[in-house]
Amino acid sequence: MIVKNPDQRVAVLVDVQNLYYSAKNLYKARVSYKNLLQLLINKRILVRAIAYVIKAEDSRESDFFEALNSAGFEVKEKDLQVFVGGAKKGDWDIGIAMDAIRLGNKVDSIILVSGDGDFRPVVNYLQQSLGCLVEVAAFKKTANHELVDMADDFTNIEDHAKTLLFRI
C-alpha cells in the first residue's frame, strides 16, 4: 500500500481490451470508465488518462469511444489486424509500454489498468530506472499474479463491483 496524497501527479493507462473481456467473462458486465477514473485518481492530480482501444468496424464503437472521451479519457485507436488465414490480432501492449516510459518522468505514479503479465518488464523499468510508483488496477481473478505482486499498489476491480460494473 502506498500513500496517496493530493499533490501526487498520476497518469492512468487503460488496456480496454483486457478490461472488457475480464468484465464480460467474469461478470457478464461492462465497466463504468468514469467511475473507474474517479476511484483511481482519488483526489490526486491527473496529468493524462489514456484509453487504448481496438477498432473492429462495429457500428456501436464510435458511441463507446465517445463515452470514453466524455468520461475523461484521451482515446487512442488501433485497427484490428486480420491475417490471410482469418486469424485476428489486436493489442496495444507496446504502445502502452512506450507511453508509460514517456510519462514516467512527468508523473509520480503510473496507474496501469490491465492484468496482462506482459507489462512486468515495463513496470520493473518504471520502478527501478525512473523511480516512478506503479499502481495496477485489474480483476484479480484474471490478473497475472507476478504483476500484482510487483505493483506498488493494487486495486482489485472486483472489490468495487457495485460502482464500477453494470450488467450487459
Protein backbone atom coordinates (compact mmCIF):
# COMPACT_ATOMS: atom_id res chain seq x y z
CA MET A 1 0.00 0.00 0.00
CA ILE A 2 1.29 3.45 -0.87
CA VAL A 3 0.48 6.87 0.50
CA LYS A 4 -1.79 8.76 -1.89
CA ASN A 5 -1.69 12.49 -1.32
CA PRO A 6 -3.37 15.33 -3.23
CA ASP A 7 -0.04 16.61 -4.59
CA GLN A 8 0.77 13.40 -6.47
CA ARG A 9 0.68 13.61 -10.26
CA VAL A 10 -0.76 10.49 -11.90
CA ALA A 11 -1.25 9.08 -15.36
CA VAL A 12 -3.89 6.41 -16.00
CA LEU A 13 -3.31 3.99 -18.88
CA VAL A 14 -6.20 1.64 -19.64
CA ASP A 15 -5.90 -1.56 -21.67
CA VAL A 16 -9.56 -1.53 -22.72
CA GLN A 17 -9.48 -4.98 -24.37
CA ASN A 18 -8.11 -6.59 -21.20
CA LEU A 19 -10.77 -4.92 -19.04
CA TYR A 20 -13.60 -5.59 -21.48
CA TYR A 21 -13.02 -9.33 -21.71
CA SER A 22 -12.41 -9.77 -17.98
CA ALA A 23 -15.65 -7.94 -17.11
CA LYS A 24 -17.59 -9.81 -19.78
CA ASN A 25 -16.28 -13.28 -18.93
CA LEU A 26 -16.32 -12.97 -15.13
CA TYR A 27 -19.49 -10.92 -14.56
CA LYS A 28 -21.29 -10.57 -17.90
CA ALA A 29 -20.89 -6.86 -17.25
CA ARG A 30 -19.26 -3.72 -18.57
CA VAL A 31 -17.01 -1.26 -16.79
CA SER A 32 -18.02 2.28 -15.85
CA TYR A 33 -14.88 4.08 -17.00
CA LYS A 34 -15.97 7.39 -15.48
CA ASN A 35 -16.31 5.80 -12.02
CA LEU A 36 -13.08 3.86 -12.52
CA LEU A 37 -11.15 7.03 -13.30
CA GLN A 38 -12.50 8.79 -10.22
CA LEU A 39 -11.66 5.81 -7.98
CA LEU A 40 -8.12 5.57 -9.28
CA ILE A 41 -7.31 9.28 -9.22
CA ASN A 42 -8.50 9.50 -5.61
CA LYS A 43 -8.30 13.32 -5.46
CA ARG A 44 -4.79 13.45 -6.91
CA ILE A 45 -3.60 15.49 -9.90
CA LEU A 46 -4.47 13.80 -13.19
CA VAL A 47 -1.83 14.52 -15.83
CA ARG A 48 -3.13 12.14 -18.52
CA ALA A 49 -5.78 9.45 -18.82
CA ILE A 50 -5.48 7.33 -21.94
CA ALA A 51 -7.77 4.51 -23.07
CA TYR A 52 -6.30 2.18 -25.71
CA VAL A 53 -8.92 0.63 -27.98
CA ILE A 54 -9.07 -1.68 -30.99
CA LYS A 55 -11.34 -0.71 -33.90
CA ALA A 56 -13.21 -3.64 -35.39
CA GLU A 57 -15.66 -1.65 -37.53
CA ASP A 58 -18.63 -2.22 -35.23
CA SER A 59 -21.29 0.46 -35.61
CA ARG A 60 -21.53 0.85 -31.81
CA GLU A 61 -17.80 1.51 -31.42
CA SER A 62 -17.96 5.23 -32.10
CA ASP A 63 -20.54 5.67 -29.32
CA PHE A 64 -18.32 3.73 -26.92
CA PHE A 65 -15.21 5.70 -27.92
CA GLU A 66 -17.15 8.95 -27.42
CA ALA A 67 -18.31 7.75 -23.99
CA LEU A 68 -14.68 7.07 -23.04
CA ASN A 69 -13.78 10.58 -24.15
CA SER A 70 -16.68 12.06 -22.18
CA ALA A 71 -15.52 10.12 -19.11
CA GLY A 72 -12.22 11.99 -19.27
CA PHE A 73 -10.02 9.73 -21.40
CA GLU A 74 -7.92 10.51 -24.41
CA VAL A 75 -8.75 7.63 -26.77
CA LYS A 76 -6.02 6.01 -28.83
CA GLU A 77 -7.34 3.74 -31.58
CA LYS A 78 -5.70 0.92 -33.50
CA ASP A 79 -7.24 -1.16 -36.27
CA LEU A 80 -7.86 -4.86 -35.73
CA GLN A 81 -5.37 -6.87 -37.79
CA VAL A 82 -6.86 -9.68 -39.88
CA PHE A 83 -4.37 -12.15 -41.30
CA VAL A 84 -4.65 -14.20 -44.50
CA GLY A 85 -5.75 -17.36 -42.66
CA GLY A 86 -8.52 -15.44 -40.87
CA ALA A 87 -6.67 -15.06 -37.56
CA LYS A 88 -7.22 -11.74 -35.82
CA LYS A 89 -4.94 -9.75 -33.56
CA GLY A 90 -5.44 -6.53 -31.71
CA ASP A 91 -3.38 -5.35 -28.78
CA TRP A 92 -1.73 -2.21 -27.53
CA ASP A 93 0.98 -3.71 -25.31
CA ILE A 94 3.94 -1.95 -26.95
CA GLY A 95 2.04 1.35 -27.29
CA ILE A 96 1.00 1.32 -23.64
CA ALA A 97 4.54 0.41 -22.57
CA MET A 98 6.05 3.24 -24.63
CA ASP A 99 3.58 5.81 -23.28
CA ALA A 100 4.27 4.60 -19.73
CA ILE A 101 8.01 5.11 -20.25
CA ARG A 102 7.47 8.54 -21.85
CA LEU A 103 5.24 9.65 -18.98
CA GLY A 104 7.31 8.07 -16.19
CA ASN A 105 9.46 11.20 -15.68
CA LYS A 106 6.45 13.51 -15.73
CA VAL A 107 4.34 11.90 -13.01
CA ASP A 108 4.74 10.42 -9.55
CA SER A 109 2.65 7.36 -10.30
CA ILE A 110 1.61 5.44 -13.40
CA ILE A 111 -1.71 3.65 -12.93
CA LEU A 112 -1.79 0.69 -15.29
CA VAL A 113 -5.30 -0.69 -15.76
CA SER A 114 -4.57 -4.19 -17.01
CA GLY A 115 -3.83 -7.59 -15.59
CA ASP A 116 -1.60 -8.57 -18.53
CA GLY A 117 1.66 -10.09 -17.33
CA ASP A 118 3.40 -8.84 -20.47
CA PHE A 119 3.67 -5.47 -18.68
CA ARG A 120 6.03 -6.81 -15.97
CA PRO A 121 9.24 -5.60 -17.66
CA VAL A 122 7.91 -2.06 -18.11
CA VAL A 123 6.68 -1.97 -14.50
CA ASN A 124 10.14 -3.03 -13.35
CA TYR A 125 11.76 -0.37 -15.56
CA LEU A 126 9.47 2.40 -14.30
CA GLN A 127 10.16 1.47 -10.67
CA GLN A 128 13.90 0.76 -10.86
CA SER A 129 15.13 3.16 -13.53
CA LEU A 130 12.73 6.09 -13.26
CA GLY A 131 11.78 5.83 -9.58
CA CYS A 132 8.13 6.00 -10.54
CA LEU A 133 5.42 4.34 -8.48
CA VAL A 134 3.32 1.88 -10.45
CA GLU A 135 -0.21 1.06 -9.43
CA VAL A 136 -2.11 -1.74 -11.11
CA ALA A 137 -5.89 -1.98 -11.33
CA ALA A 138 -7.46 -5.17 -12.68
CA PHE A 139 -9.73 -8.07 -11.94
CA LYS A 140 -7.66 -10.14 -9.52
CA LYS A 141 -9.15 -13.41 -10.81
CA THR A 142 -7.71 -12.80 -14.28
CA ALA A 143 -4.64 -10.70 -13.40
CA ASN A 144 -1.12 -12.06 -13.65
CA HIS A 145 -0.06 -12.76 -10.05
CA GLU A 146 3.52 -11.61 -10.58
CA LEU A 147 2.29 -8.29 -11.99
CA VAL A 148 0.04 -7.82 -8.96
CA ASP A 149 2.90 -8.66 -6.57
CA MET A 150 5.40 -6.29 -8.15
CA ALA A 151 3.00 -3.32 -8.26
CA ASP A 152 3.43 -0.67 -5.58
CA ASP A 153 -0.33 -0.79 -5.09
CA PHE A 154 -3.12 -2.96 -6.47
CA THR A 155 -6.79 -2.10 -6.91
CA ASN A 156 -8.99 -5.14 -7.34
CA ILE A 157 -11.89 -4.01 -9.54
CA GLU A 158 -13.95 -6.88 -8.13
CA ASP A 159 -13.88 -5.15 -4.72
CA HIS A 160 -15.72 -2.18 -6.27
CA ALA A 161 -18.19 -4.09 -8.44
CA LYS A 162 -21.23 -2.09 -7.30
CA THR A 163 -19.80 1.21 -8.53
CA LEU A 164 -17.60 0.01 -11.40
CA LEU A 165 -19.66 -2.68 -13.15
CA PHE A 166 -23.02 -2.66 -14.83
CA ARG A 167 -24.83 -5.60 -16.41
CA ILE A 168 -24.90 -6.00 -20.17
